[in-house]
Amino acid sequence: MTENIQITTGVLVALIIGIVEVLKKAGLSSRYAGVVSLVLGLFLGGISAFIGTPLVQSLIIGTVMGLTASGLYSGAKALIK
């Protein structure tokens, strides 16, 4: 069960990064990319509450996903520059 959560979380982090990148190309200011990542993480984490994960755990996982996505994006951006 834990392996499934880890794989799903990794895929969702990649999805969050992709969505934020698309939004940035559509005109979202880079300034708000971290906030959007966090909101998307919380949203996607909240959805997992509907499939049986306790709400608090879902929101914590969502927060970690959003913060991870924003950190991975800014870290990759720093490497490119």
PDB file of N, CA and C in Angstrom:
ATOM      1  N   MET A   1       0.826  -1.197   0.000  1.00  0.00           N
ATOM      2  CA  MET A   1       0.000   0.000   0.000  1.00  0.00           C
ATOM      3  C   MET A   1       0.869   1.259   0.000  1.00  0.00           C
ATOM      4  N   THR A   2       1.936   1.267   0.790  1.00  0.00           N
ATOM      5  CA  THR A   2       2.804   2.434   0.874  1.00  0.00           C
ATOM      6  C   THR A   2       3.476   2.697  -0.464  1.00  0.00           C
ATOM      7  N   GLU A   3       3.853   1.640  -1.176  1.00  0.00           N
ATOM      8  CA  GLU A   3       4.488   1.816  -2.484  1.00  0.00           C
ATOM      9  C   GLU A   3       3.541   2.482  -3.466  1.00  0.00           C
ATOM     10  N   ASN A   4       2.258   2.119  -3.412  1.00  0.00           N
ATOM     11  CA  ASN A   4       1.278   2.743  -4.302  1.00  0.00           C
ATOM     12  C   ASN A   4       1.149   4.228  -4.025  1.00  0.00           C
ATOM     13  N   ILE A   5       1.145   4.605  -2.763  1.00  0.00           N
ATOM     14  CA  ILE A   5       1.043   6.020  -2.395  1.00  0.00           C
ATOM     15  C   ILE A   5       2.271   6.772  -2.887  1.00  0.00           C
ATOM     16  N   GLN A   6       3.446   6.187  -2.749  1.00  0.00           N
ATOM     17  CA  GLN A   6       4.671   6.860  -3.182  1.00  0.00           C
ATOM     18  C   GLN A   6       4.705   7.038  -4.695  1.00  0.00           C
ATOM     19  N   ILE A   7       4.299   6.029  -5.426  1.00  0.00           N
ATOM     20  CA  ILE A   7       4.282   6.131  -6.888  1.00  0.00           C
ATOM     21  C   ILE A   7       3.264   7.176  -7.322  1.00  0.00           C
ATOM     22  N   THR A   8       2.076   7.129  -6.744  1.00  0.00           N
ATOM     23  CA  THR A   8       1.033   8.087  -7.086  1.00  0.00           C
ATOM     24  C   THR A   8       1.467   9.500  -6.758  1.00  0.00           C
ATOM     25  N   THR A   9       2.097   9.684  -5.612  1.00  0.00           N
ATOM     26  CA  THR A   9       2.561  11.015  -5.208  1.00  0.00           C
ATOM     27  C   THR A   9       3.605  11.536  -6.194  1.00  0.00           C
ATOM     28  N   GLY A  10       4.519  10.686  -6.608  1.00  0.00           N
ATOM     29  CA  GLY A  10       5.533  11.097  -7.575  1.00  0.00           C
ATOM     30  C   GLY A  10       4.923  11.517  -8.899  1.00  0.00           C
ATOM     31  N   VAL A  11       3.931  10.777  -9.352  1.00  0.00           N
ATOM     32  CA  VAL A  11       3.257  11.108 -10.610  1.00  0.00           C
ATOM     33  C   VAL A  11       2.505  12.426 -10.464  1.00  0.00           C
ATOM     34  N   LEU A  12       1.852  12.620  -9.334  1.00  0.00           N
ATOM     35  CA  LEU A  12       1.093  13.855  -9.130  1.00  0.00           C
ATOM     36  C   LEU A  12       2.010  15.066  -9.012  1.00  0.00           C
ATOM     37  N   VAL A  13       3.182  14.905  -8.421  1.00  0.00           N
ATOM     38  CA  VAL A  13       4.144  16.009  -8.359  1.00  0.00           C
ATOM     39  C   VAL A  13       4.547  16.410  -9.778  1.00  0.00           C
ATOM     40  N   ALA A  14       4.808  15.431 -10.619  1.00  0.00           N
ATOM     41  CA  ALA A  14       5.146  15.730 -12.019  1.00  0.00           C
ATOM     42  C   ALA A  14       3.978  16.419 -12.717  1.00  0.00           C
ATOM     43  N   LEU A  15       2.768  15.984 -12.429  1.00  0.00           N
ATOM     44  CA  LEU A  15       1.574  16.596 -13.018  1.00  0.00           C
ATOM     45  C   LEU A  15       1.445  18.054 -12.574  1.00  0.00           C
ATOM     46  N   ILE A  16       1.675  18.315 -11.295  1.00  0.00           N
ATOM     47  CA  ILE A  16       1.604  19.685 -10.782  1.00  0.00           C
ATOM     48  C   ILE A  16       2.637  20.566 -11.476  1.00  0.00           C
ATOM     49  N   ILE A  17       3.847  20.066 -11.621  1.00  0.00           N
ATOM     50  CA  ILE A  17       4.894  20.833 -12.306  1.00  0.00           C
ATOM     51  C   ILE A  17       4.453  21.142 -13.735  1.00  0.00           C
ATOM     52  N   GLY A  18       3.902  20.161 -14.417  1.00  0.00           N
ATOM     53  CA  GLY A  18       3.451  20.363 -15.793  1.00  0.00           C
ATOM     54  C   GLY A  18       2.323  21.376 -15.896  1.00  0.00           C
ATOM     55  N   ILE A  19       1.361  21.287 -14.999  1.00  0.00           N
ATOM     56  CA  ILE A  19       0.231  22.226 -15.014  1.00  0.00           C
ATOM     57  C   ILE A  19       0.711  23.647 -14.762  1.00  0.00           C
ATOM     58  N   VAL A  20       1.597  23.809 -13.784  1.00  0.00           N
ATOM     59  CA  VAL A  20       2.110  25.146 -13.475  1.00  0.00           C
ATOM     60  C   VAL A  20       2.889  25.697 -14.659  1.00  0.00           C
ATOM     61  N   GLU A  21       3.654  24.851 -15.316  1.00  0.00           N
ATOM     62  CA  GLU A  21       4.417  25.306 -16.484  1.00  0.00           C
ATOM     63  C   GLU A  21       3.483  25.752 -17.601  1.00  0.00           C
ATOM     64  N   VAL A  22       2.415  25.006 -17.835  1.00  0.00           N
ATOM     65  CA  VAL A  22       1.439  25.393 -18.853  1.00  0.00           C
ATOM     66  C   VAL A  22       0.786  26.719 -18.475  1.00  0.00           C
ATOM     67  N   LEU A  23       0.432  26.875 -17.205  1.00  0.00           N
ATOM     68  CA  LEU A  23      -0.177  28.127 -16.754  1.00  0.00           C
ATOM     69  C   LEU A  23       0.785  29.300 -16.912  1.00  0.00           C
ATOM     70  N   LYS A  24       2.066  29.061 -16.664  1.00  0.00           N
ATOM     71  CA  LYS A  24       3.048  30.129 -16.837  1.00  0.00           C
ATOM     72  C   LYS A  24       3.163  30.536 -18.298  1.00  0.00           C
ATOM     73  N   LYS A  25       3.128  29.565 -19.188  1.00  0.00           N
ATOM     74  CA  LYS A  25       3.192  29.886 -20.619  1.00  0.00           C
ATOM     75  C   LYS A  25       1.922  30.599 -21.071  1.00  0.00           C
ATOM     76  N   ALA A  26       0.818  30.382 -20.341  1.00  0.00           N
ATOM     77  CA  ALA A  26      -0.447  31.043 -20.658  1.00  0.00           C
ATOM     78  C   ALA A  26      -0.537  32.435 -20.041  1.00  0.00           C
ATOM     79  N   GLY A  27       0.473  32.817 -19.256  1.00  0.00           N
ATOM     80  CA  GLY A  27       0.476  34.172 -18.722  1.00  0.00           C
ATOM     81  C   GLY A  27       0.565  34.294 -17.212  1.00  0.00           C
ATOM     82  N   LEU A  28       0.595  33.185 -16.496  1.00  0.00           N
ATOM     83  CA  LEU A  28       0.725  33.253 -15.037  1.00  0.00           C
ATOM     84  C   LEU A  28       2.096  33.813 -14.674  1.00  0.00           C
ATOM     85  N   SER A  29       2.110  34.763 -13.773  1.00  0.00           N
ATOM     86  CA  SER A  29       3.372  35.344 -13.328  1.00  0.00           C
ATOM     87  C   SER A  29       4.173  34.305 -12.539  1.00  0.00           C
ATOM     88  N   SER A  30       5.480  34.280 -12.760  1.00  0.00           N
ATOM     89  CA  SER A  30       6.351  33.352 -12.034  1.00  0.00           C
ATOM     90  C   SER A  30       6.252  33.574 -10.533  1.00  0.00           C
ATOM     91  N   ARG A  31       5.892  34.759 -10.179  1.00  0.00           N
ATOM     92  CA  ARG A  31       5.751  35.125  -8.767  1.00  0.00           C
ATOM     93  C   ARG A  31       4.721  34.255  -8.054  1.00  0.00           C
ATOM     94  N   TYR A  32       3.688  33.833  -8.782  1.00  0.00           N
ATOM     95  CA  TYR A  32       2.597  33.060  -8.177  1.00  0.00           C
ATOM     96  C   TYR A  32       2.719  31.560  -8.411  1.00  0.00           C
ATOM     97  N   ALA A  33       3.782  31.122  -9.057  1.00  0.00           N
ATOM     98  CA  ALA A  33       3.926  29.698  -9.387  1.00  0.00           C
ATOM     99  C   ALA A  33       3.953  28.824  -8.136  1.00  0.00           C
ATOM    100  N   GLY A  34       4.636  29.254  -7.086  1.00  0.00           N
ATOM    101  CA  GLY A  34       4.694  28.473  -5.857  1.00  0.00           C
ATOM    102  C   GLY A  34       3.340  28.336  -5.185  1.00  0.00           C
ATOM    103  N   VAL A  35       2.591  29.422  -5.179  1.00  0.00           N
ATOM    104  CA  VAL A  35       1.253  29.395  -4.571  1.00  0.00           C
ATOM    105  C   VAL A  35       0.331  28.476  -5.363  1.00  0.00           C
ATOM    106  N   VAL A  36       0.408  28.564  -6.683  1.00  0.00           N
ATOM    107  CA  VAL A  36      -0.419  27.701  -7.524  1.00  0.00           C
ATOM    108  C   VAL A  36      -0.039  26.233  -7.313  1.00  0.00           C
ATOM    109  N   SER A  37       1.251  25.956  -7.178  1.00  0.00           N
ATOM    110  CA  SER A  37       1.698  24.583  -6.910  1.00  0.00           C
ATOM    111  C   SER A  37       1.120  24.065  -5.594  1.00  0.00           C
ATOM    112  N   LEU A  38       1.148  24.904  -4.580  1.00  0.00           N
ATOM    113  CA  LEU A  38       0.614  24.505  -3.277  1.00  0.00           C
ATOM    114  C   LEU A  38      -0.888  24.260  -3.348  1.00  0.00           C
ATOM    115  N   VAL A  39      -1.612  25.150  -4.018  1.00  0.00           N
ATOM    116  CA  VAL A  39      -3.067  24.990  -4.141  1.00  0.00           C
ATOM    117  C   VAL A  39      -3.403  23.718  -4.918  1.00  0.00           C
ATOM    118  N   LEU A  40      -2.687  23.474  -6.011  1.00  0.00           N
ATOM    119  CA  LEU A  40      -2.918  22.242  -6.778  1.00  0.00           C
ATOM    120  C   LEU A  40      -2.603  21.002  -5.945  1.00  0.00           C
ATOM    121  N   GLY A  41      -1.527  21.055  -5.175  1.00  0.00           N
ATOM    122  CA  GLY A  41      -1.185  19.941  -4.302  1.00  0.00           C
ATOM    123  C   GLY A  41      -2.267  19.663  -3.276  1.00  0.00           C
ATOM    124  N   LEU A  42      -2.766  20.724  -2.663  1.00  0.00           N
ATOM    125  CA  LEU A  42      -3.847  20.558  -1.684  1.00  0.00           C
ATOM    126  C   LEU A  42      -5.107  20.013  -2.345  1.00  0.00           C
ATOM    127  N   PHE A  43      -5.407  20.503  -3.532  1.00  0.00           N
ATOM    128  CA  PHE A  43      -6.586  20.024  -4.259  1.00  0.00           C
ATOM    129  C   PHE A  43      -6.455  18.541  -4.585  1.00  0.00           C
ATOM    130  N   LEU A  44      -5.318  18.169  -5.165  1.00  0.00           N
ATOM    131  CA  LEU A  44      -5.122  16.761  -5.529  1.00  0.00           C
ATOM    132  C   LEU A  44      -5.023  15.872  -4.290  1.00  0.00           C
ATOM    133  N   GLY A  45      -4.420  16.385  -3.236  1.00  0.00           N
ATOM    134  CA  GLY A  45      -4.382  15.628  -1.987  1.00  0.00           C
ATOM    135  C   GLY A  45      -5.773  15.465  -1.401  1.00  0.00           C
ATOM    136  N   GLY A  46      -6.580  16.518  -1.492  1.00  0.00           N
ATOM    137  CA  GLY A  46      -7.952  16.457  -0.989  1.00  0.00           C
ATOM    138  C   GLY A  46      -8.796  15.442  -1.726  1.00  0.00           C
ATOM    139  N   ILE A  47      -8.518  15.271  -3.012  1.00  0.00           N
ATOM    140  CA  ILE A  47      -9.257  14.277  -3.788  1.00  0.00           C
ATOM    141  C   ILE A  47      -9.022  12.878  -3.233  1.00  0.00           C
ATOM    142  N   SER A  48      -7.808  12.629  -2.737  1.00  0.00           N
ATOM    143  CA  SER A  48      -7.517  11.295  -2.213  1.00  0.00           C
ATOM    144  C   SER A  48      -8.334  10.987  -0.959  1.00  0.00           C
ATOM    145  N   ALA A  49      -8.874  12.025  -0.326  1.00  0.00           N
ATOM    146  CA  ALA A  49      -9.745  11.787   0.829  1.00  0.00           C
ATOM    147  C   ALA A  49     -11.021  11.070   0.407  1.00  0.00           C
ATOM    148  N   PHE A  50     -11.395  11.240  -0.850  1.00  0.00           N
ATOM    149  CA  PHE A  50     -12.609  10.580  -1.337  1.00  0.00           C
ATOM    150  C   PHE A  50     -12.396   9.105  -1.647  1.00  0.00           C
ATOM    151  N   ILE A  51     -11.131   8.668  -1.711  1.00  0.00           N
ATOM    152  CA  ILE A  51     -10.882   7.251  -2.005  1.00  0.00           C
ATOM    153  C   ILE A  51     -10.450   6.484  -0.759  1.00  0.00           C
ATOM    154  N   GLY A  52     -10.671   7.079   0.402  1.00  0.00           N
ATOM    155  CA  GLY A  52     -10.457   6.342   1.630  1.00  0.00           C
ATOM    156  C   GLY A  52      -9.326   6.801   2.519  1.00  0.00           C
ATOM    157  N   THR A  53      -8.509   7.744   2.074  1.00  0.00           N
ATOM    158  CA  THR A  53      -7.426   8.253   2.907  1.00  0.00           C
ATOM    159  C   THR A  53      -8.015   9.273   3.880  1.00  0.00           C
ATOM    160  N   PRO A  54      -7.608   9.233   5.153  1.00  0.00           N
ATOM    161  CA  PRO A  54      -8.119  10.227   6.103  1.00  0.00           C
ATOM    162  C   PRO A  54      -7.823  11.651   5.625  1.00  0.00           C
ATOM    163  N   LEU A  55      -8.743  12.579   5.893  1.00  0.00           N
ATOM    164  CA  LEU A  55      -8.644  13.944   5.386  1.00  0.00           C
ATOM    165  C   LEU A  55      -7.355  14.633   5.802  1.00  0.00           C
ATOM    166  N   VAL A  56      -6.986  14.535   7.068  1.00  0.00           N
ATOM    167  CA  VAL A  56      -5.769  15.213   7.542  1.00  0.00           C
ATOM    168  C   VAL A  56      -4.548  14.672   6.815  1.00  0.00           C
ATOM    169  N   GLN A  57      -4.464  13.358   6.664  1.00  0.00           N
ATOM    170  CA  GLN A  57      -3.348  12.754   5.944  1.00  0.00           C
ATOM    171  C   GLN A  57      -3.348  13.207   4.484  1.00  0.00           C
ATOM    172  N   SER A  58      -4.515  13.283   3.879  1.00  0.00           N
ATOM    173  CA  SER A  58      -4.610  13.727   2.490  1.00  0.00           C
ATOM    174  C   SER A  58      -4.110  15.154   2.325  1.00  0.00           C
ATOM    175  N   LEU A  59      -4.478  16.020   3.249  1.00  0.00           N
ATOM    176  CA  LEU A  59      -4.052  17.417   3.157  1.00  0.00           C
ATOM    177  C   LEU A  59      -2.557  17.569   3.412  1.00  0.00           C
ATOM    178  N   ILE A  60      -2.018  16.758   4.302  1.00  0.00           N
ATOM    179  CA  ILE A  60      -0.570  16.795   4.539  1.00  0.00           C
ATOM    180  C   ILE A  60       0.171  16.321   3.286  1.00  0.00           C
ATOM    181  N   ILE A  61      -0.295  15.229   2.705  1.00  0.00           N
ATOM    182  CA  ILE A  61       0.320  14.727   1.473  1.00  0.00           C
ATOM    183  C   ILE A  61       0.207  15.770   0.368  1.00  0.00           C
ATOM    184  N   GLY A  62      -0.953  16.425   0.261  1.00  0.00           N
ATOM    185  CA  GLY A  62      -1.144  17.466  -0.743  1.00  0.00           C
ATOM    186  C   GLY A  62      -0.207  18.640  -0.550  1.00  0.00           C
ATOM    187  N   THR A  63      -0.010  19.033   0.701  1.00  0.00           N
ATOM    188  CA  THR A  63       0.921  20.128   1.004  1.00  0.00           C
ATOM    189  C   THR A  63       2.335  19.744   0.597  1.00  0.00           C
ATOM    190  N   VAL A  64       2.737  18.536   0.937  1.00  0.00           N
ATOM    191  CA  VAL A  64       4.077  18.072   0.574  1.00  0.00           C
ATOM    192  C   VAL A  64       4.226  18.016  -0.945  1.00  0.00           C
ATOM    193  N   MET A  65       3.190  17.551  -1.652  1.00  0.00           N
ATOM    194  CA  MET A  65       3.260  17.497  -3.114  1.00  0.00           C
ATOM    195  C   MET A  65       3.427  18.891  -3.710  1.00  0.00           C
ATOM    196  N   GLY A  66       2.639  19.836  -3.236  1.00  0.00           N
ATOM    197  CA  GLY A  66       2.717  21.194  -3.762  1.00  0.00           C
ATOM    198  C   GLY A  66       4.055  21.848  -3.484  1.00  0.00           C
ATOM    199  N   LEU A  67       4.553  21.691  -2.261  1.00  0.00           N
ATOM    200  CA  LEU A  67       5.845  22.283  -1.916  1.00  0.00           C
ATOM    201  C   LEU A  67       6.982  21.594  -2.661  1.00  0.00           C
ATOM    202  N   THR A  68       6.869  20.286  -2.827  1.00  0.00           N
ATOM    203  CA  THR A  68       7.888  19.555  -3.588  1.00  0.00           C
ATOM    204  C   THR A  68       7.900  20.010  -5.044  1.00  0.00           C
ATOM    205  N   ALA A  69       6.727  20.146  -5.621  1.00  0.00           N
ATOM    206  CA  ALA A  69       6.639  20.577  -7.020  1.00  0.00           C
ATOM    207  C   ALA A  69       7.247  21.963  -7.199  1.00  0.00           C
ATOM    208  N   SER A  70       6.963  22.872  -6.294  1.00  0.00           N
ATOM    209  CA  SER A  70       7.519  24.221  -6.445  1.00  0.00           C
ATOM    210  C   SER A  70       9.022  24.211  -6.205  1.00  0.00           C
ATOM    211  N   GLY A  71       9.494  23.376  -5.309  1.00  0.00           N
ATOM    212  CA  GLY A  71      10.928  23.279  -5.057  1.00  0.00           C
ATOM    213  C   GLY A  71      11.665  22.635  -6.213  1.00  0.00           C
ATOM    214  N   LEU A  72      11.087  21.600  -6.802  1.00  0.00           N
ATOM    215  CA  LEU A  72      11.713  20.949  -7.949  1.00  0.00           C
ATOM    216  C   LEU A  72      11.773  21.900  -9.131  1.00  0.00           C
ATOM    217  N   TYR A  73      10.721  22.672  -9.320  1.00  0.00           N
ATOM    218  CA  TYR A  73      10.703  23.607 -10.438  1.00  0.00           C
ATOM    219  C   TYR A  73      11.765  24.678 -10.245  1.00  0.00           C
ATOM    220  N   SER A  74      11.821  25.268  -9.069  1.00  0.00           N
ATOM    221  CA  SER A  74      12.805  26.349  -8.850  1.00  0.00           C
ATOM    222  C   SER A  74      14.225  25.786  -8.845  1.00  0.00           C
ATOM    223  N   GLY A  75      14.407  24.565  -8.367  1.00  0.00           N
ATOM    224  CA  GLY A  75      15.741  23.959  -8.391  1.00  0.00           C
ATOM    225  C   GLY A  75      16.206  23.681  -9.810  1.00  0.00           C
ATOM    226  N   ALA A  76      15.300  23.168 -10.647  1.00  0.00           N
ATOM    227  CA  ALA A  76      15.640  22.908 -12.048  1.00  0.00           C
ATOM    228  C   ALA A  76      15.898  24.211 -12.782  1.00  0.00           C
ATOM    229  N   LYS A  77      15.127  25.224 -12.465  1.00  0.00           N
ATOM    230  CA  LYS A  77      15.313  26.530 -13.091  1.00  0.00           C
ATOM    231  C   LYS A  77      16.684  27.109 -12.750  1.00  0.00           C
ATOM    232  N   ALA A  78      17.103  26.917 -11.505  1.00  0.00           N
ATOM    233  CA  ALA A  78      18.425  27.419 -11.073  1.00  0.00           C
ATOM    234  C   ALA A  78      19.547  26.664 -11.786  1.00  0.00           C
ATOM    235  N   LEU A  79      19.364  25.377 -12.032  1.00  0.00           N
ATOM    236  CA  LEU A  79      20.375  24.594 -12.735  1.00  0.00           C
ATOM    237  C   LEU A  79      20.506  25.023 -14.194  1.00  0.00           C
ATOM    238  N   ILE A  80      19.382  25.377 -14.801  1.00  0.00           N
ATOM    239  CA  ILE A  80      19.397  25.773 -16.213  1.00  0.00           C
ATOM    240  C   ILE A  80      20.134  27.105 -16.392  1.00  0.00           C
ATOM    241  N   LYS A  81      19.954  28.008 -15.436  1.00  0.00           N
ATOM    242  CA  LYS A  81      20.613  29.313 -15.529  1.00  0.00           C
ATOM    243  C   LYS A  81      22.042  29.126 -15.209  1.00  0.00           C
TER     244      LYS A  81
END
